[in-house]
């Protein structure tokens, strides 16, 4: 047997010491607030760190590559336009 019996008020008080802070933290977190600035401790508020890398392109090769790429894309565009015209003529052709 226990030496002393715990009174109902003592039980209520101990339970409230546990429940009230948990309820406060839960309600604050649910409302979008941060009760103890936990986000700062965990690093959730800081934006992602990105490194900036400077690249010096080779002017001679990059310009030649770009011109070649532009020519290829222009040829592809012309082919697509021709194909589109063929498809339009097929759709508009009465049967």
Protein backbone atom coordinates (compact mmCIF):
# COMPACT_ATOMS: atom_id res chain seq x y z
CA UNK A 1 0.00 0.00 0.00
CA UNK A 2 1.19 3.48 -0.71
CA UNK A 3 2.14 5.59 2.25
CA UNK A 4 0.02 8.50 1.15
CA UNK A 5 -2.99 8.57 -1.03
CA UNK A 6 -2.96 11.01 -3.96
CA UNK A 7 -5.85 13.45 -3.86
CA UNK A 8 -8.02 14.01 -6.92
CA UNK A 9 -6.76 17.57 -7.20
CA UNK A 10 -3.16 16.37 -7.33
CA UNK A 11 -4.02 13.92 -10.10
CA UNK A 12 -5.85 16.66 -11.99
CA UNK A 13 -2.90 19.03 -11.56
CA UNK A 14 -0.35 16.48 -12.82
CA UNK A 15 -2.49 15.61 -15.84
CA UNK A 16 -2.95 19.31 -16.66
CA UNK A 17 0.83 19.83 -16.50
CA UNK A 18 1.10 17.36 -19.35
CA UNK A 19 -2.04 18.05 -21.41
CA UNK A 20 -2.06 21.86 -21.49
CA UNK A 21 1.38 22.33 -23.09
CA UNK A 22 0.67 19.58 -25.61
CA UNK A 23 -2.65 21.19 -26.53
CA UNK A 24 -0.98 24.60 -26.87
CA UNK A 25 1.76 23.26 -29.12
CA UNK A 26 -0.72 21.31 -31.20
CA UNK A 27 -3.06 24.29 -31.65
CA UNK A 28 -0.20 26.64 -32.48
CA UNK A 29 1.25 24.23 -35.01
CA UNK A 30 -2.19 23.66 -36.56
CA UNK A 31 -2.71 27.43 -36.96
CA UNK A 32 0.63 27.81 -38.73
CA UNK A 33 2.43 29.44 -35.84
CA UNK A 34 5.60 28.16 -34.26
CA UNK A 35 5.31 28.04 -30.44
CA UNK A 36 9.02 27.58 -29.68
CA UNK A 37 10.60 28.63 -32.99
CA UNK A 38 11.28 24.98 -33.70
CA UNK A 39 11.56 25.77 -37.38
CA UNK A 40 14.61 27.94 -36.74
CA UNK A 41 16.26 25.16 -34.77
CA UNK A 42 15.55 22.62 -37.50
CA UNK A 43 16.49 25.01 -40.32
CA UNK A 44 13.09 24.85 -42.03
CA UNK A 45 12.75 28.63 -42.49
CA UNK A 46 16.05 29.09 -44.30
CA UNK A 47 15.92 29.03 -48.08
CA UNK A 48 17.88 26.37 -49.88
CA UNK A 49 21.49 27.31 -50.43
CA UNK A 50 22.66 27.28 -54.02
CA UNK A 51 26.12 27.77 -55.33
CA UNK A 52 26.75 30.15 -58.19
CA UNK A 53 29.28 28.85 -60.65
CA UNK A 54 30.71 31.22 -63.21
CA UNK A 55 31.36 29.61 -66.56
CA UNK A 56 33.39 31.37 -69.21
CA UNK A 57 32.24 30.03 -72.57
CA UNK A 58 34.67 29.58 -75.41
CA UNK A 59 33.56 32.25 -77.90
CA UNK A 60 34.81 30.50 -81.05
CA UNK A 61 33.33 27.09 -80.38
CA UNK A 62 30.15 28.27 -78.73
CA UNK A 63 29.24 30.61 -81.59
CA UNK A 64 29.90 27.93 -84.18
CA UNK A 65 27.86 25.43 -82.19
CA UNK A 66 25.04 27.91 -81.81
CA UNK A 67 24.96 28.69 -85.53
CA UNK A 68 24.90 24.98 -86.35
CA UNK A 69 22.11 24.42 -83.87
CA UNK A 70 20.09 27.32 -85.30
CA UNK A 71 20.43 25.92 -88.82
CA UNK A 72 19.31 22.46 -87.68
CA UNK A 73 16.31 23.92 -85.88
CA UNK A 74 15.34 25.98 -88.93
CA UNK A 75 15.43 22.85 -91.11
CA UNK A 76 13.33 20.98 -88.58
CA UNK A 77 10.85 23.86 -88.48
CA UNK A 78 10.50 23.82 -92.26
CA UNK A 79 9.88 20.06 -92.20
CA UNK A 80 7.23 20.48 -89.53
CA UNK A 81 5.56 23.26 -91.52
CA UNK A 82 5.46 21.06 -94.63
CA UNK A 83 4.01 18.17 -92.66
CA UNK A 84 1.40 20.46 -91.14
CA UNK A 85 0.40 21.75 -94.57
CA UNK A 86 0.02 18.16 -95.84
CA UNK A 87 -2.16 17.22 -92.88
CA UNK A 88 -4.32 20.32 -93.30
CA UNK A 89 -4.84 19.53 -96.97
CA UNK A 90 -5.83 15.95 -96.09
CA UNK A 91 -8.35 17.15 -93.52
CA UNK A 92 -9.89 19.73 -95.86
CA UNK A 93 -10.04 17.34 -98.85
CA UNK A 94 -13.66 16.29 -99.49
CA UNK A 95 -14.17 12.57 -99.89
